[in-house]
Amino acid sequence: MLAVLDVPEFRPLWLAEAISLAGDQLAKVALALLVYDRTGSALWSAVVYALSFLPALAGGLGLSALADRVPRRSLMVGAASIQAVLVALMAVPGLPLAGLCLLLVGMGVAQAPALAAQTALTREIFTSDELYYRSQDLRGVTTNTVMLLGLAGAGLLVAGIGASAALLADAATFVLAALLVRLRVRERPPASAVPIHWAAGIQHVWRRPRLRVLLGLSWLVGLAVVPEGLAAPLAAGLHAPSGAVGWLLAADPLGFVIGTVLLSRFVPTAVRTRAIGGLAVASVGVLVLFALRPSLPVALVLLAVAGAAGAYQVTVVATFTSWVPNEVRGGALGVARTGLRVAQGLGVAAGGAVAELLGSADAAIVAAGVLGVLLAVPAALAWRRQLSRSPGQAG
């Protein structure tokens, strides 16, 4: 997996993403503490948290097409520079809450096209499909490892240096990311030689069954993520200590890292592609075992296994990106990411509502698992049919 770091242009892209993500973990905790300290309102804290990703939904469908119309390196550098300024402004003492919300909206809008450009540009850099898939494995491992470390240490660090300092540190990570990409990645012309409609990526995906099936398998994460949204009531139902909430939140990403490493090390790319359907079923099917009302250690193992099976998501993204033509890749990736975020948001919200209705986090997780299997099995069979066709027909 680490062999991909020998590709000169991938190193700065990978490092810039890791640095920015680490800063974002600080910023999330800092904003939550900042807003709650000012308002004393859990509702306002939730609103601000929602604003950290809701604007990306609109930007994901509309602005991601910019990654096909303008040079991708320039788009990434420009977006990172804008985000650095916006985060630095959030650190201004006494900033009105309305101003903070507007800055968060701007952050989400700027992030969407930058992410599409980064993913599309990474595919351009690699001439070897095998190395490209390995690069996505490394990205997946890095992202989840940084998130795990963030869960473990961001709160303590913010408490030590203060919310404003943490926000300024996040701004600095965007500056560093922009410099890395600007200085170490070669500029390329726009992916599309002629102006294209902003919805070209959406239309391309909609007209191709194999891409739609891939996205359906990917969006099952909306059900797989239900335990994450129910970590606190699940810990209470298990009569576990308060610290168990963090363990429950960390189990899935830890499993994801392990699963990604195992797939990358031992499973050839062609086999991984065929295994997408089965792993998707397993990622949600494991949740049905919560019907046995497991103890805390068993629950942690189940969530880690679900996360390990969920590592198929890396192969989904790499396959989807490879199968979309370069000239509409940014817009198509916007569709994929937007759907993923919507699925996660709806899944967590629905899981909370079901848990409230049934009075049990376990029951809500089981319901998510059952529904997930009912959706995943036909999607897996459809994926198998798509792979059995010739490449020309499948597209």
Protein backbone atom coordinates (compact mmCIF):
# COMPACT_ATOMS: atom_id res chain seq x y z
CA MET A 1 0.00 0.00 0.00
CA LEU A 2 2.80 2.43 0.90
CA ALA A 3 4.33 1.91 -2.52
CA VAL A 4 1.93 4.55 -3.86
CA LEU A 5 3.90 7.19 -1.97
CA ASP A 6 6.64 6.68 -4.55
CA VAL A 7 4.36 8.51 -7.01
CA PRO A 8 5.59 12.13 -6.58
CA GLU A 9 2.30 13.96 -7.17
CA PHE A 10 0.28 11.69 -4.92
CA ARG A 11 2.37 12.43 -1.84
CA PRO A 12 1.36 16.11 -1.52
CA LEU A 13 -2.29 15.30 -2.26
CA TRP A 14 -2.34 12.61 0.42
CA LEU A 15 -0.48 14.72 2.97
CA ALA A 16 -2.62 17.81 2.31
CA GLU A 17 -5.81 15.80 2.88
CA ALA A 18 -4.50 14.25 6.10
CA ILE A 19 -3.38 17.60 7.51
CA SER A 20 -6.67 19.32 6.67
CA LEU A 21 -8.69 16.47 8.17
CA ALA A 22 -6.69 16.61 11.40
CA GLY A 23 -7.40 20.32 11.65
CA ASP A 24 -11.08 19.72 11.00
CA GLN A 25 -11.31 17.36 13.99
CA LEU A 26 -10.06 20.19 16.17
CA ALA A 27 -12.48 22.64 14.59
CA LYS A 28 -15.53 20.40 15.12
CA VAL A 29 -14.84 20.09 18.82
CA ALA A 30 -13.93 23.77 19.12
CA LEU A 31 -17.14 24.92 17.44
CA ALA A 32 -19.28 22.62 19.55
CA LEU A 33 -17.72 23.98 22.75
CA LEU A 34 -17.77 27.58 21.52
CA VAL A 35 -21.44 27.57 20.62
CA TYR A 36 -22.53 25.70 23.73
CA ASP A 37 -20.53 28.00 26.01
CA ARG A 38 -22.16 31.06 24.42
CA THR A 39 -25.74 29.81 24.23
CA GLY A 40 -26.03 26.96 26.71
CA SER A 41 -28.34 25.42 24.10
CA ALA A 42 -28.03 21.87 22.81
CA LEU A 43 -30.30 22.89 19.93
CA TRP A 44 -27.91 25.59 18.74
CA SER A 45 -25.01 23.16 19.00
CA ALA A 46 -26.93 20.72 16.80
CA VAL A 47 -27.81 23.48 14.30
CA VAL A 48 -24.19 24.54 13.97
CA TYR A 49 -23.11 20.92 13.56
CA ALA A 50 -25.69 20.46 10.79
CA LEU A 51 -24.44 23.60 9.06
CA SER A 52 -21.00 22.02 8.87
CA PHE A 53 -22.22 19.59 6.20
CA LEU A 54 -25.62 20.67 4.88
CA PRO A 55 -24.23 23.30 2.44
CA ALA A 56 -21.99 20.60 0.98
CA LEU A 57 -25.12 18.80 -0.22
CA ALA A 58 -26.11 21.63 -2.57
CA GLY A 59 -22.52 22.30 -3.51
CA GLY A 60 -21.98 18.62 -4.19
CA LEU A 61 -24.54 18.59 -6.97
CA GLY A 62 -23.91 22.03 -8.45
CA LEU A 63 -20.40 23.24 -7.75
CA SER A 64 -18.64 19.88 -8.11
CA ALA A 65 -18.95 20.30 -11.89
CA LEU A 66 -16.35 23.08 -11.57
CA ALA A 67 -13.80 20.29 -11.21
CA ASP A 68 -14.44 19.50 -14.89
CA ARG A 69 -14.49 23.10 -16.13
CA VAL A 70 -11.42 24.67 -14.50
CA PRO A 71 -7.92 23.33 -13.75
CA ARG A 72 -8.30 21.01 -10.78
CA ARG A 73 -5.11 22.04 -9.02
CA SER A 74 -6.14 25.70 -9.14
CA LEU A 75 -9.59 24.82 -7.83
CA MET A 76 -8.11 22.94 -4.88
CA VAL A 77 -5.67 25.72 -4.02
CA GLY A 78 -8.35 28.39 -4.31
CA ALA A 79 -10.85 26.46 -2.19
CA ALA A 80 -8.28 25.72 0.52
CA SER A 81 -7.30 29.40 0.63
CA ILE A 82 -10.94 30.45 1.00
CA GLN A 83 -11.47 27.91 3.76
CA ALA A 84 -8.39 29.16 5.60
CA VAL A 85 -9.76 32.70 5.64
CA LEU A 86 -13.24 31.60 6.72
CA VAL A 87 -11.97 29.45 9.59
CA ALA A 88 -9.64 32.23 10.76
CA LEU A 89 -12.62 34.60 10.87
CA MET A 90 -14.49 32.11 13.06
CA ALA A 91 -11.76 32.54 15.67
CA VAL A 92 -12.50 36.28 16.07
CA PRO A 93 -13.60 36.82 19.69
CA GLY A 94 -17.21 37.92 20.10
CA LEU A 95 -18.24 37.00 16.55
CA PRO A 96 -22.07 37.00 16.43
CA LEU A 97 -23.65 33.57 16.14
CA ALA A 98 -25.29 34.51 12.84
CA GLY A 99 -21.88 35.40 11.43
CA LEU A 100 -20.47 32.08 12.59
CA CYS A 101 -23.30 30.26 10.82
CA LEU A 102 -22.67 32.16 7.59
CA LEU A 103 -18.98 31.29 7.71
CA LEU A 104 -19.85 27.63 8.21
CA VAL A 105 -22.11 27.73 5.18
CA GLY A 106 -19.27 29.21 3.15
CA MET A 107 -16.96 26.43 4.35
CA GLY A 108 -19.34 23.76 3.15
CA VAL A 109 -19.84 25.42 -0.22
CA ALA A 110 -16.09 25.71 -0.80
CA GLN A 111 -15.40 22.15 0.30
CA ALA A 112 -17.62 20.34 -2.23
CA PRO A 113 -15.82 21.23 -5.50
CA ALA A 114 -12.42 20.87 -3.83
CA LEU A 115 -13.15 17.28 -2.80
CA ALA A 116 -14.42 16.44 -6.28
CA ALA A 117 -11.30 17.98 -7.83
CA GLN A 118 -8.99 16.08 -5.48
CA THR A 119 -10.57 12.68 -6.15
CA ALA A 120 -10.68 13.27 -9.91
CA LEU A 121 -7.10 14.56 -10.00
CA THR A 122 -5.84 11.54 -8.08
CA ARG A 123 -7.26 9.26 -10.77
CA GLU A 124 -5.46 11.33 -13.43
CA ILE A 125 -2.12 10.96 -11.66
CA PHE A 126 -2.05 7.16 -11.75
CA THR A 127 -1.52 5.29 -15.00
CA SER A 128 -1.67 1.93 -13.21
CA ASP A 129 -5.11 0.78 -12.06
CA GLU A 130 -3.54 -1.43 -9.39
CA LEU A 131 -1.56 1.46 -7.90
CA TYR A 132 -4.60 3.72 -8.07
CA TYR A 133 -6.68 1.28 -6.01
CA ARG A 134 -3.86 1.05 -3.49
CA SER A 135 -3.76 4.83 -3.25
CA GLN A 136 -7.43 4.83 -2.31
CA ASP A 137 -6.74 2.16 0.30
CA LEU A 138 -4.12 4.43 1.85
CA ARG A 139 -6.54 7.38 1.78
CA GLY A 140 -9.20 5.30 3.52
CA VAL A 141 -6.82 4.10 6.20
CA THR A 142 -5.44 7.60 6.75
CA THR A 143 -8.87 9.22 6.96
CA ASN A 144 -10.21 6.78 9.52
CA THR A 145 -6.99 6.76 11.54
CA VAL A 146 -7.06 10.56 11.78
CA MET A 147 -10.71 10.39 12.83
CA LEU A 148 -9.85 7.83 15.52
CA LEU A 149 -7.05 10.00 16.85
CA GLY A 150 -9.40 12.97 16.71
CA LEU A 151 -11.96 11.14 18.83
CA ALA A 152 -9.23 10.32 21.31
CA GLY A 153 -7.45 13.64 21.59
CA ALA A 154 -9.26 16.60 20.03
CA GLY A 155 -11.35 17.34 23.11
CA LEU A 156 -8.33 17.38 25.40
CA LEU A 157 -6.32 19.52 23.01
CA VAL A 158 -9.08 22.08 22.54
CA ALA A 159 -9.56 22.25 26.30
CA GLY A 160 -5.85 22.94 26.65
CA ILE A 161 -5.34 25.60 23.97
CA GLY A 162 -8.83 27.08 23.73
CA ALA A 163 -11.44 27.13 20.96
CA SER A 164 -10.07 30.18 19.14
CA ALA A 165 -6.54 28.78 19.02
CA ALA A 166 -7.90 25.47 17.73
CA LEU A 167 -9.75 27.27 14.93
CA LEU A 168 -6.60 29.17 13.99
CA ALA A 169 -4.72 25.86 13.90
CA ASP A 170 -7.35 24.53 11.50
CA ALA A 171 -6.90 27.63 9.31
CA ALA A 172 -3.16 26.97 9.26
CA THR A 173 -3.75 23.40 8.02
CA PHE A 174 -5.66 24.78 5.01
CA VAL A 175 -2.80 27.18 4.24
CA LEU A 176 -0.29 24.34 4.41
CA ALA A 177 -2.51 22.12 2.23
CA ALA A 178 -2.82 24.87 -0.39
CA LEU A 179 0.97 25.35 -0.47
CA LEU A 180 1.63 21.62 -0.80
CA VAL A 181 -0.71 21.27 -3.75
CA ARG A 182 0.42 24.51 -5.39
CA LEU A 183 4.12 23.70 -5.17
CA ARG A 184 4.19 19.93 -5.64
CA VAL A 185 1.35 19.10 -8.05
CA ARG A 186 1.56 19.86 -11.77
CA GLU A 187 -1.10 22.11 -13.27
CA ARG A 188 -3.25 20.48 -15.93
CA PRO A 189 -5.75 21.99 -18.34
CA PRO A 190 -9.48 21.66 -17.59
CA ALA A 191 -10.71 18.08 -17.99
CA SER A 192 -13.32 19.10 -20.55
CA ALA A 193 -11.97 20.79 -23.67
CA VAL A 194 -15.38 22.37 -24.34
CA PRO A 195 -17.89 23.96 -21.93
CA ILE A 196 -20.25 21.35 -20.48
CA HIS A 197 -23.59 21.63 -18.73
CA TRP A 198 -23.38 21.64 -14.93
CA ALA A 199 -25.59 18.53 -14.83
CA ALA A 200 -23.46 16.51 -17.27
CA GLY A 201 -22.09 14.34 -14.47
CA ILE A 202 -25.59 13.66 -13.10
CA GLN A 203 -26.85 12.71 -16.55
CA HIS A 204 -23.88 10.42 -17.16
CA VAL A 205 -24.51 8.49 -13.94
CA TRP A 206 -28.27 8.28 -14.45
CA ARG A 207 -27.91 6.73 -17.91
CA ARG A 208 -25.54 3.93 -16.82
CA PRO A 209 -26.96 1.03 -14.80
CA ARG A 210 -23.65 -0.18 -13.42
CA LEU A 211 -22.89 3.25 -11.96
CA ARG A 212 -26.34 3.45 -10.41
CA VAL A 213 -25.92 0.00 -8.85
CA LEU A 214 -22.52 1.00 -7.47
CA LEU A 215 -23.99 4.10 -5.86
CA GLY A 216 -26.86 2.09 -4.40
CA LEU A 217 -24.37 -0.25 -2.75
CA SER A 218 -22.37 2.70 -1.47
CA TRP A 219 -25.39 4.52 -0.04
CA LEU A 220 -26.21 1.54 2.18
CA VAL A 221 -23.84 3.27 4.58
CA GLY A 222 -26.91 5.29 5.59
CA LEU A 223 -28.10 2.18 7.46
CA ALA A 224 -24.66 0.98 8.53
CA VAL A 225 -24.08 4.31 10.30
CA VAL A 226 -27.18 4.02 12.53
CA PRO A 227 -25.21 2.62 15.54
CA GLU A 228 -22.96 5.70 15.42
CA GLY A 229 -25.94 7.99 15.90
CA LEU A 230 -27.20 5.82 18.78
CA ALA A 231 -23.88 5.41 20.60
CA ALA A 232 -25.03 7.20 23.77
CA PRO A 233 -28.37 5.38 24.24
CA LEU A 234 -26.72 2.10 23.19
CA ALA A 235 -24.08 2.51 25.92
CA ALA A 236 -26.82 3.29 28.44
CA GLY A 237 -28.78 0.21 27.37
CA LEU A 238 -25.65 -1.90 27.85
CA HIS A 239 -25.22 -0.42 31.36
CA ALA A 240 -21.74 0.62 30.29
CA PRO A 241 -19.67 3.52 31.71
CA SER A 242 -19.90 6.91 29.99
CA GLY A 243 -16.50 6.38 28.40
CA ALA A 244 -17.99 3.50 26.42
CA VAL A 245 -19.64 5.99 24.07
CA GLY A 246 -16.21 6.83 22.67
CA TRP A 247 -15.37 3.13 22.34
CA LEU A 248 -18.59 2.46 20.45
CA LEU A 249 -17.89 5.39 18.12
CA ALA A 250 -14.34 4.21 17.52
CA ALA A 251 -15.15 0.54 16.84
CA ASP A 252 -16.47 1.04 13.30
CA PRO A 253 -13.61 3.20 11.96
CA LEU A 254 -11.09 0.87 13.63
CA GLY A 255 -12.70 -2.08 11.85
CA PHE A 256 -12.69 -0.09 8.62
CA VAL A 257 -8.94 0.48 8.88
CA ILE A 258 -8.31 -3.21 9.56
CA GLY A 259 -10.59 -4.29 6.71
CA THR A 260 -8.97 -1.88 4.26
CA VAL A 261 -5.47 -3.06 5.15
CA LEU A 262 -6.48 -6.73 4.76
CA LEU A 263 -8.16 -6.13 1.40
CA SER A 264 -5.23 -4.11 0.13
CA ARG A 265 -2.65 -6.64 1.29
CA PHE A 266 -4.27 -9.94 0.39
CA VAL A 267 -7.06 -9.43 -2.17
CA PRO A 268 -6.36 -8.62 -5.86
CA THR A 269 -8.27 -5.70 -7.35
CA ALA A 270 -10.40 -7.87 -9.64
CA VAL A 271 -11.51 -10.05 -6.73
CA ARG A 272 -12.29 -7.01 -4.59
CA THR A 273 -14.53 -5.64 -7.32
CA ARG A 274 -16.49 -8.89 -7.46
CA ALA A 275 -16.73 -8.99 -3.65
CA ILE A 276 -18.39 -5.58 -3.34
CA GLY A 277 -21.91 -7.04 -3.20
CA GLY A 278 -21.17 -9.68 -0.58
CA LEU A 279 -19.28 -7.25 1.65
CA ALA A 280 -22.12 -4.73 1.37
CA VAL A 281 -24.59 -7.35 2.61
CA ALA A 282 -22.24 -8.29 5.46
CA SER A 283 -21.74 -4.67 6.54
CA VAL A 284 -25.43 -4.30 7.37
CA GLY A 285 -26.20 -7.96 8.08
CA VAL A 286 -23.93 -7.97 11.14
CA LEU A 287 -26.25 -5.42 12.75
CA VAL A 288 -29.06 -8.01 12.90
CA LEU A 289 -27.04 -9.82 15.59
CA PHE A 290 -27.86 -6.99 17.99
CA ALA A 291 -31.17 -8.85 18.39
CA LEU A 292 -29.21 -11.10 20.78
CA ARG A 293 -28.70 -8.08 23.06
CA PRO A 294 -24.90 -8.46 23.19
CA SER A 295 -22.67 -7.35 26.04
CA LEU A 296 -20.42 -4.33 25.55
CA PRO A 297 -17.36 -6.36 24.41
CA VAL A 298 -19.45 -8.35 21.93
CA ALA A 299 -21.13 -5.15 20.67
CA LEU A 300 -17.71 -3.61 20.06
CA VAL A 301 -16.63 -6.70 18.11
CA LEU A 302 -19.83 -6.63 16.02
CA LEU A 303 -19.36 -2.96 15.16
CA ALA A 304 -15.70 -3.56 14.27
CA VAL A 305 -16.69 -6.46 11.99
CA ALA A 306 -19.33 -4.26 10.34
CA GLY A 307 -16.69 -1.59 9.82
CA ALA A 308 -14.24 -4.12 8.35
CA ALA A 309 -16.88 -5.31 5.86
CA GLY A 310 -17.66 -1.66 5.14
CA ALA A 311 -14.15 -1.26 3.74
CA TYR A 312 -15.75 -2.24 0.42
CA GLN A 313 -16.61 1.47 0.16
CA VAL A 314 -13.00 2.20 -0.84
CA THR A 315 -13.31 -0.19 -3.78
CA VAL A 316 -16.68 1.31 -4.73
CA VAL A 317 -15.26 4.84 -4.92
CA ALA A 318 -12.16 3.74 -6.82
CA THR A 319 -14.23 1.70 -9.30
CA PHE A 320 -16.80 4.45 -9.77
CA THR A 321 -14.09 7.06 -10.34
CA SER A 322 -12.28 4.83 -12.84
CA TRP A 323 -15.42 4.08 -14.84
CA VAL A 324 -16.46 7.72 -15.25
CA PRO A 325 -14.79 9.63 -18.14
CA ASN A 326 -12.36 12.29 -17.01
CA GLU A 327 -14.33 15.14 -18.61
CA VAL A 328 -17.40 14.59 -16.36
CA ARG A 329 -15.67 12.98 -13.39
CA GLY A 330 -15.97 15.95 -11.04
CA GLY A 331 -19.72 16.30 -11.51
CA ALA A 332 -20.28 12.55 -11.18
CA LEU A 333 -18.27 12.44 -7.95
CA GLY A 334 -20.43 15.27 -6.66
CA VAL A 335 -23.48 13.04 -7.19
CA ALA A 336 -21.82 10.17 -5.33
CA ARG A 337 -20.71 12.27 -2.38
CA THR A 338 -23.99 14.16 -2.07
CA GLY A 339 -25.98 10.95 -2.02
CA LEU A 340 -23.63 9.53 0.59
CA ARG A 341 -24.06 12.52 2.88
CA VAL A 342 -27.85 12.51 2.46
CA ALA A 343 -27.98 8.78 3.20
CA GLN A 344 -25.90 9.22 6.35
CA GLY A 345 -27.97 12.13 7.60
CA LEU A 346 -31.30 10.43 6.92
CA GLY A 347 -30.06 7.14 8.38
CA VAL A 348 -28.96 8.68 11.67
CA ALA A 349 -32.17 10.71 11.94
CA ALA A 350 -34.38 7.72 11.13
CA GLY A 351 -32.44 5.51 13.55
CA GLY A 352 -32.99 8.01 16.33
CA ALA A 353 -36.70 8.22 15.57
CA VAL A 354 -37.09 4.42 15.56
CA ALA A 355 -35.14 4.11 18.81
CA GLU A 356 -37.44 6.70 20.38
CA LEU A 357 -40.53 4.92 19.09
CA LEU A 358 -39.43 1.44 20.19
CA GLY A 359 -37.71 2.61 23.35
CA SER A 360 -34.57 0.63 22.49
CA ALA A 361 -31.35 1.44 20.66
CA ASP A 362 -30.76 -2.29 20.11
CA ALA A 363 -34.11 -2.65 18.35
CA ALA A 364 -33.41 0.32 16.08
CA ILE A 365 -30.02 -1.13 15.10
CA VAL A 366 -31.62 -4.50 14.35
CA ALA A 367 -34.26 -2.77 12.22
CA ALA A 368 -31.51 -0.98 10.29
CA GLY A 369 -29.75 -4.32 9.75
CA VAL A 370 -32.88 -6.08 8.51
CA LEU A 371 -33.78 -3.25 6.14
CA GLY A 372 -30.16 -3.10 5.00
CA VAL A 373 -30.12 -6.79 4.08
CA LEU A 374 -33.43 -6.48 2.23
CA LEU A 375 -31.92 -3.67 0.14
CA ALA A 376 -28.39 -5.03 -0.13
CA VAL A 377 -29.19 -8.53 -1.41
CA PRO A 378 -31.00 -7.38 -4.59
CA ALA A 379 -28.35 -4.69 -5.12
CA ALA A 380 -25.60 -7.33 -4.79
CA LEU A 381 -27.37 -9.57 -7.31
CA ALA A 382 -27.74 -6.61 -9.68
CA TRP A 383 -24.03 -5.89 -9.29
CA ARG A 384 -23.21 -9.50 -10.15
CA ARG A 385 -25.32 -9.23 -13.30
CA GLN A 386 -23.56 -6.03 -14.33
CA LEU A 387 -20.14 -7.65 -13.93
CA SER A 388 -21.22 -10.65 -15.99
CA ARG A 389 -21.86 -8.39 -18.98
CA SER A 390 -19.15 -7.12 -21.25
CA PRO A 391 -17.71 -3.68 -20.39
CA GLY A 392 -19.40 -2.16 -23.42
CA GLN A 393 -22.83 -3.43 -22.41
CA ALA A 394 -22.48 -2.75 -18.70
CA GLY A 395 -21.89 0.93 -19.19
